[in-house]
Amino acid sequence: MENNKAFEYTYSAKEQEEIEKIKRKYLPKEESKLELLRKLDRQVTRKGEVVSLILGVVGCLIMGGGMSMCMVWIDSLLIPGILLGILGAVTMGMAYPAYTRITQKERARLAPQILALTEEIGQ
């Protein structure tokens, strides 16, 4: 009788990678300092983006209403339509200055936290 006590091992990198991927889904998320830094960096511009988008869309709708008044009711609502269109254009024009001002304020507010995190990560 032959006594073959051989050890067989098969390794598949793809299987191990898939197992690790599934395992990471169910582990509690630990926020690293780099992820926190990215989150703070996104937070600097997010509020300005939201406000500027709202101003742009509202201004566009107001201007469109003014244009409609001018084109459809040209005999009776031409002047109010022009004024409403100008108001809409001014509102749209305020979107970018609002973005820059809000972003500057948020950058000044979050700068100490971001700089402290970059110092911690860099060491």
N, C-alpha and C. Protein backbone atom coordinates (compact mmCIF):
# COMPACT_ATOMS: atom_id res chain seq x y z
N MET A 1 0.82 -1.18 0.00
CA MET A 1 0.00 0.00 0.00
C MET A 1 0.86 1.25 0.00
N GLU A 2 0.43 2.13 -0.84
CA GLU A 2 1.14 3.38 -0.89
C GLU A 2 0.51 4.38 0.07
N ASN A 3 1.33 5.10 0.74
CA ASN A 3 0.83 6.09 1.68
C ASN A 3 1.15 7.48 1.12
N ASN A 4 0.23 8.01 0.32
CA ASN A 4 0.42 9.34 -0.25
C ASN A 4 -0.27 10.37 0.62
N LYS A 5 0.52 11.04 1.35
CA LYS A 5 -0.03 12.13 2.15
C LYS A 5 0.47 13.44 1.56
N ALA A 6 -0.02 13.77 0.42
CA ALA A 6 0.38 14.99 -0.26
C ALA A 6 -0.62 16.10 0.07
N PHE A 7 -0.08 17.29 0.19
CA PHE A 7 -0.91 18.46 0.48
C PHE A 7 -1.15 19.21 -0.83
N GLU A 8 -2.40 19.42 -1.13
CA GLU A 8 -2.74 20.17 -2.33
C GLU A 8 -3.31 21.52 -1.93
N TYR A 9 -2.86 22.55 -2.59
CA TYR A 9 -3.32 23.91 -2.30
C TYR A 9 -3.48 24.65 -3.61
N THR A 10 -4.65 25.23 -3.79
CA THR A 10 -4.87 26.06 -4.97
C THR A 10 -5.22 27.46 -4.49
N TYR A 11 -4.55 28.42 -5.06
CA TYR A 11 -4.74 29.82 -4.67
C TYR A 11 -5.25 30.58 -5.88
N SER A 12 -6.29 31.34 -5.66
CA SER A 12 -6.84 32.16 -6.71
C SER A 12 -6.90 33.60 -6.23
N ALA A 13 -6.13 34.44 -6.86
CA ALA A 13 -6.08 35.85 -6.46
C ALA A 13 -7.43 36.52 -6.67
N LYS A 14 -8.11 36.15 -7.74
CA LYS A 14 -9.42 36.77 -8.01
C LYS A 14 -10.43 36.39 -6.94
N GLU A 15 -10.39 35.14 -6.49
CA GLU A 15 -11.32 34.72 -5.44
C GLU A 15 -11.03 35.45 -4.15
N GLN A 16 -9.76 35.56 -3.79
CA GLN A 16 -9.39 36.26 -2.57
C GLN A 16 -9.78 37.74 -2.63
N GLU A 17 -9.60 38.33 -3.80
CA GLU A 17 -9.97 39.73 -3.98
C GLU A 17 -11.48 39.92 -3.83
N GLU A 18 -12.23 39.00 -4.39
CA GLU A 18 -13.70 39.06 -4.27
C GLU A 18 -14.14 38.85 -2.84
N ILE A 19 -13.48 37.93 -2.15
CA ILE A 19 -13.82 37.69 -0.74
C ILE A 19 -13.54 38.93 0.09
N GLU A 20 -12.41 39.59 -0.14
CA GLU A 20 -12.08 40.81 0.59
C GLU A 20 -13.06 41.94 0.28
N LYS A 21 -13.48 42.02 -0.97
CA LYS A 21 -14.44 43.05 -1.37
C LYS A 21 -15.77 42.86 -0.65
N ILE A 22 -16.23 41.62 -0.58
CA ILE A 22 -17.48 41.33 0.12
C ILE A 22 -17.32 41.58 1.61
N LYS A 23 -16.19 41.20 2.15
CA LYS A 23 -15.93 41.38 3.58
C LYS A 23 -15.95 42.87 3.96
N ARG A 24 -15.35 43.73 3.11
CA ARG A 24 -15.32 45.18 3.40
C ARG A 24 -16.70 45.80 3.42
N LYS A 25 -17.65 45.22 2.67
CA LYS A 25 -19.02 45.76 2.67
C LYS A 25 -19.68 45.62 4.03
N TYR A 26 -19.32 44.57 4.76
CA TYR A 26 -20.01 44.28 6.01
C TYR A 26 -19.24 44.71 7.25
N LEU A 27 -18.04 45.17 7.08
CA LEU A 27 -17.28 45.68 8.22
C LEU A 27 -17.73 47.11 8.51
N PRO A 28 -17.70 47.52 9.77
CA PRO A 28 -18.05 48.92 10.07
C PRO A 28 -17.04 49.86 9.41
N LYS A 29 -17.56 50.94 8.87
CA LYS A 29 -16.70 51.88 8.18
C LYS A 29 -15.91 52.71 9.18
N GLU A 30 -14.62 52.75 8.97
CA GLU A 30 -13.75 53.59 9.77
C GLU A 30 -13.28 54.72 8.87
N GLU A 31 -13.55 55.94 9.28
CA GLU A 31 -13.19 57.08 8.46
C GLU A 31 -11.74 57.44 8.73
N SER A 32 -10.92 57.33 7.70
CA SER A 32 -9.51 57.67 7.86
C SER A 32 -9.36 59.19 7.81
N LYS A 33 -8.18 59.64 8.17
CA LYS A 33 -7.94 61.08 8.16
C LYS A 33 -7.94 61.63 6.74
N LEU A 34 -7.49 60.83 5.79
CA LEU A 34 -7.50 61.27 4.40
C LEU A 34 -8.94 61.40 3.89
N GLU A 35 -9.81 60.47 4.25
CA GLU A 35 -11.22 60.57 3.86
C GLU A 35 -11.88 61.78 4.50
N LEU A 36 -11.54 62.05 5.75
CA LEU A 36 -12.07 63.24 6.43
C LEU A 36 -11.59 64.50 5.74
N LEU A 37 -10.34 64.52 5.32
CA LEU A 37 -9.79 65.67 4.61
C LEU A 37 -10.51 65.89 3.28
N ARG A 38 -10.76 64.81 2.56
CA ARG A 38 -11.50 64.93 1.29
C ARG A 38 -12.92 65.44 1.52
N LYS A 39 -13.54 64.96 2.58
CA LYS A 39 -14.90 65.38 2.91
C LYS A 39 -14.94 66.87 3.24
N LEU A 40 -13.99 67.34 4.02
CA LEU A 40 -13.94 68.77 4.36
C LEU A 40 -13.66 69.61 3.11
N ASP A 41 -12.81 69.10 2.22
CA ASP A 41 -12.50 69.83 1.00
C ASP A 41 -13.73 69.96 0.11
N ARG A 42 -14.53 68.91 0.01
CA ARG A 42 -15.77 68.98 -0.77
C ARG A 42 -16.77 69.93 -0.10
N GLN A 43 -16.77 69.95 1.22
CA GLN A 43 -17.72 70.78 1.96
C GLN A 43 -17.47 72.26 1.72
N VAL A 44 -16.25 72.64 1.39
CA VAL A 44 -15.91 74.04 1.16
C VAL A 44 -16.73 74.61 0.00
N THR A 45 -16.87 73.86 -1.07
CA THR A 45 -17.55 74.40 -2.25
C THR A 45 -19.02 74.00 -2.36
N ARG A 46 -19.44 73.00 -1.62
CA ARG A 46 -20.80 72.48 -1.79
C ARG A 46 -21.88 73.54 -1.53
N LYS A 47 -21.78 74.27 -0.44
CA LYS A 47 -22.82 75.26 -0.11
C LYS A 47 -22.90 76.35 -1.18
N GLY A 48 -21.75 76.80 -1.66
CA GLY A 48 -21.73 77.81 -2.72
C GLY A 48 -22.33 77.29 -4.02
N GLU A 49 -22.05 76.02 -4.34
CA GLU A 49 -22.62 75.43 -5.54
C GLU A 49 -24.13 75.36 -5.47
N VAL A 50 -24.65 74.96 -4.33
CA VAL A 50 -26.10 74.83 -4.18
C VAL A 50 -26.78 76.19 -4.32
N VAL A 51 -26.24 77.19 -3.63
CA VAL A 51 -26.84 78.53 -3.68
C VAL A 51 -26.76 79.10 -5.09
N SER A 52 -25.62 78.93 -5.75
CA SER A 52 -25.49 79.49 -7.10
C SER A 52 -26.40 78.77 -8.10
N LEU A 53 -26.56 77.46 -7.94
CA LEU A 53 -27.49 76.74 -8.82
C LEU A 53 -28.93 77.21 -8.61
N ILE A 54 -29.32 77.40 -7.36
CA ILE A 54 -30.67 77.88 -7.08
C ILE A 54 -30.89 79.26 -7.68
N LEU A 55 -29.92 80.16 -7.49
CA LEU A 55 -30.04 81.51 -8.05
C LEU A 55 -30.11 81.46 -9.58
N GLY A 56 -29.29 80.63 -10.19
CA GLY A 56 -29.29 80.53 -11.64
C GLY A 56 -30.59 79.99 -12.19
N VAL A 57 -31.12 78.95 -11.57
CA VAL A 57 -32.37 78.36 -12.06
C VAL A 57 -33.54 79.31 -11.84
N VAL A 58 -33.62 79.90 -10.65
CA VAL A 58 -34.71 80.85 -10.37
C VAL A 58 -34.63 82.05 -11.31
N GLY A 59 -33.42 82.56 -11.52
CA GLY A 59 -33.25 83.69 -12.43
C GLY A 59 -33.65 83.34 -13.85
N CYS A 60 -33.31 82.14 -14.27
CA CYS A 60 -33.67 81.69 -15.62
C CYS A 60 -35.19 81.59 -15.77
N LEU A 61 -35.85 81.07 -14.74
CA LEU A 61 -37.31 80.96 -14.80
C LEU A 61 -37.97 82.34 -14.81
N ILE A 62 -37.45 83.26 -14.01
CA ILE A 62 -38.01 84.62 -13.99
C ILE A 62 -37.81 85.29 -15.35
N MET A 63 -36.61 85.16 -15.90
CA MET A 63 -36.34 85.76 -17.20
C MET A 63 -37.23 85.12 -18.28
N GLY A 64 -37.43 83.82 -18.20
CA GLY A 64 -38.31 83.15 -19.16
C GLY A 64 -39.74 83.64 -19.04
N GLY A 65 -40.19 83.89 -17.83
CA GLY A 65 -41.53 84.45 -17.64
C GLY A 65 -41.64 85.83 -18.26
N GLY A 66 -40.60 86.65 -18.08
CA GLY A 66 -40.60 87.98 -18.69
C GLY A 66 -40.59 87.91 -20.20
N MET A 67 -39.83 86.97 -20.75
CA MET A 67 -39.81 86.82 -22.21
C MET A 67 -41.17 86.37 -22.73
N SER A 68 -41.81 85.48 -21.98
CA SER A 68 -43.14 85.02 -22.38
C SER A 68 -44.14 86.17 -22.37
N MET A 69 -44.05 87.00 -21.34
CA MET A 69 -44.95 88.15 -21.26
C MET A 69 -44.74 89.07 -22.46
N CYS A 70 -43.48 89.25 -22.85
CA CYS A 70 -43.18 90.14 -23.99
C CYS A 70 -43.68 89.54 -25.31
N MET A 71 -43.54 88.24 -25.46
CA MET A 71 -43.87 87.63 -26.75
C MET A 71 -45.35 87.33 -26.92
N VAL A 72 -46.00 86.91 -25.85
CA VAL A 72 -47.41 86.50 -25.96
C VAL A 72 -48.34 87.69 -25.82
N TRP A 73 -48.09 88.51 -24.84
CA TRP A 73 -48.97 89.65 -24.58
C TRP A 73 -48.24 90.95 -24.89
N ILE A 74 -47.75 91.05 -26.10
CA ILE A 74 -46.91 92.19 -26.49
C ILE A 74 -47.64 93.53 -26.36
N ASP A 75 -48.95 93.52 -26.57
CA ASP A 75 -49.69 94.78 -26.52
C ASP A 75 -49.94 95.28 -25.10
N SER A 76 -50.09 94.38 -24.13
CA SER A 76 -50.45 94.84 -22.79
C SER A 76 -49.34 94.65 -21.75
N LEU A 77 -48.47 93.65 -21.91
CA LEU A 77 -47.49 93.36 -20.87
C LEU A 77 -46.05 93.46 -21.36
N LEU A 78 -45.78 94.30 -22.33
CA LEU A 78 -44.44 94.42 -22.86
C LEU A 78 -43.48 95.01 -21.82
N ILE A 79 -43.84 96.13 -21.23
CA ILE A 79 -42.95 96.80 -20.26
C ILE A 79 -42.76 95.94 -19.01
N PRO A 80 -43.84 95.40 -18.39
CA PRO A 80 -43.60 94.51 -17.24
C PRO A 80 -42.78 93.27 -17.62
N GLY A 81 -42.95 92.77 -18.83
CA GLY A 81 -42.17 91.62 -19.28
C GLY A 81 -40.68 91.95 -19.39
N ILE A 82 -40.38 93.14 -19.91
CA ILE A 82 -38.98 93.58 -20.01
C ILE A 82 -38.38 93.72 -18.61
N LEU A 83 -39.14 94.34 -17.71
CA LEU A 83 -38.64 94.52 -16.34
C LEU A 83 -38.42 93.16 -15.65
N LEU A 84 -39.35 92.24 -15.86
CA LEU A 84 -39.21 90.92 -15.26
C LEU A 84 -38.01 90.18 -15.87
N GLY A 85 -37.80 90.33 -17.17
CA GLY A 85 -36.65 89.72 -17.82
C GLY A 85 -35.34 90.27 -17.28
N ILE A 86 -35.29 91.58 -17.07
CA ILE A 86 -34.09 92.19 -16.50
C ILE A 86 -33.85 91.70 -15.08
N LEU A 87 -34.92 91.58 -14.30
CA LEU A 87 -34.80 91.05 -12.94
C LEU A 87 -34.25 89.62 -12.96
N GLY A 88 -34.73 88.81 -13.88
CA GLY A 88 -34.23 87.45 -14.02
C GLY A 88 -32.77 87.41 -14.41
N ALA A 89 -32.37 88.29 -15.33
CA ALA A 89 -30.98 88.33 -15.76
C ALA A 89 -30.07 88.77 -14.62
N VAL A 90 -30.53 89.72 -13.82
CA VAL A 90 -29.75 90.17 -12.66
C VAL A 90 -29.63 89.03 -11.65
N THR A 91 -30.70 88.29 -11.43
CA THR A 91 -30.67 87.17 -10.50
C THR A 91 -29.69 86.10 -10.98
N MET A 92 -29.70 85.81 -12.28
CA MET A 92 -28.74 84.85 -12.83
C MET A 92 -27.31 85.38 -12.69
N GLY A 93 -27.14 86.67 -12.89
CA GLY A 93 -25.81 87.28 -12.77
C GLY A 93 -25.27 87.26 -11.36
N MET A 94 -26.14 87.15 -10.38
CA MET A 94 -25.70 87.10 -8.98
C MET A 94 -25.20 85.72 -8.58
N ALA A 95 -25.41 84.72 -9.42
CA ALA A 95 -25.05 83.34 -9.06
C ALA A 95 -23.55 83.19 -8.84
N TYR A 96 -22.73 83.64 -9.76
CA TYR A 96 -21.29 83.46 -9.61
C TYR A 96 -20.69 84.27 -8.45
N PRO A 97 -21.05 85.56 -8.30
CA PRO A 97 -20.53 86.27 -7.13
C PRO A 97 -20.96 85.63 -5.80
N ALA A 98 -22.19 85.10 -5.76
CA ALA A 98 -22.64 84.42 -4.54
C ALA A 98 -21.79 83.17 -4.29
N TYR A 99 -21.49 82.44 -5.35
CA TYR A 99 -20.64 81.24 -5.22
C TYR A 99 -19.27 81.59 -4.67
N THR A 100 -18.64 82.61 -5.24
CA THR A 100 -17.29 82.96 -4.79
C THR A 100 -17.29 83.48 -3.36
N ARG A 101 -18.27 84.28 -3.00
CA ARG A 101 -18.32 84.82 -1.65
C ARG A 101 -18.56 83.71 -0.62
N ILE A 102 -19.51 82.83 -0.88
CA ILE A 102 -19.80 81.74 0.05
C ILE A 102 -18.61 80.79 0.16
N THR A 103 -17.97 80.51 -0.97
CA THR A 103 -16.81 79.61 -0.96
C THR A 103 -15.66 80.22 -0.17
N GLN A 104 -15.44 81.51 -0.31
CA GLN A 104 -14.39 82.17 0.47
C GLN A 104 -14.67 82.09 1.97
N LYS A 105 -15.93 82.33 2.36
CA LYS A 105 -16.28 82.25 3.78
C LYS A 105 -16.12 80.84 4.32
N GLU A 106 -16.56 79.85 3.54
CA GLU A 106 -16.42 78.46 3.98
C GLU A 106 -14.95 78.05 4.04
N ARG A 107 -14.16 78.51 3.09
CA ARG A 107 -12.72 78.20 3.09
C ARG A 107 -12.06 78.80 4.33
N ALA A 108 -12.44 80.03 4.68
CA ALA A 108 -11.87 80.65 5.88
C ALA A 108 -12.32 79.92 7.14
N ARG A 109 -13.56 79.45 7.14
CA ARG A 109 -14.09 78.76 8.32
C ARG A 109 -13.45 77.39 8.52
N LEU A 110 -13.23 76.66 7.42
CA LEU A 110 -12.71 75.30 7.52
C LEU A 110 -11.19 75.20 7.39
N ALA A 111 -10.53 76.30 7.08
CA ALA A 111 -9.08 76.27 6.88
C ALA A 111 -8.31 75.71 8.08
N PRO A 112 -8.61 76.11 9.31
CA PRO A 112 -7.84 75.56 10.43
C PRO A 112 -7.94 74.04 10.55
N GLN A 113 -9.14 73.50 10.36
CA GLN A 113 -9.31 72.05 10.43
C GLN A 113 -8.55 71.35 9.30
N ILE A 114 -8.66 71.88 8.10
CA ILE A 114 -8.01 71.26 6.95
C ILE A 114 -6.49 71.32 7.10
N LEU A 115 -5.97 72.47 7.52
CA LEU A 115 -4.52 72.59 7.70
C LEU A 115 -4.01 71.67 8.81
N ALA A 116 -4.77 71.55 9.89
CA ALA A 116 -4.35 70.66 10.97
C ALA A 116 -4.33 69.20 10.49
N LEU A 117 -5.32 68.81 9.72
CA LEU A 117 -5.36 67.45 9.18
C LEU A 117 -4.22 67.20 8.21
N THR A 118 -3.89 68.18 7.36
CA THR A 118 -2.78 67.98 6.43
C THR A 118 -1.47 67.85 7.17
N GLU A 119 -1.31 68.58 8.26
CA GLU A 119 -0.09 68.45 9.07
C GLU A 119 0.00 67.07 9.70
N GLU A 120 -1.13 66.55 10.20
CA GLU A 120 -1.15 65.22 10.81
C GLU A 120 -0.84 64.13 9.78
N ILE A 121 -1.43 64.24 8.62
CA ILE A 121 -1.25 63.23 7.59
C ILE A 121 0.18 63.29 7.03
N GLY A 122 0.68 64.50 6.86
CA GLY A 122 2.00 64.69 6.27
C GLY A 122 3.15 64.17 7.11
N GLN A 123 2.95 63.99 8.41
CA GLN A 123 4.04 63.56 9.28
C GLN A 123 4.23 62.08 9.29
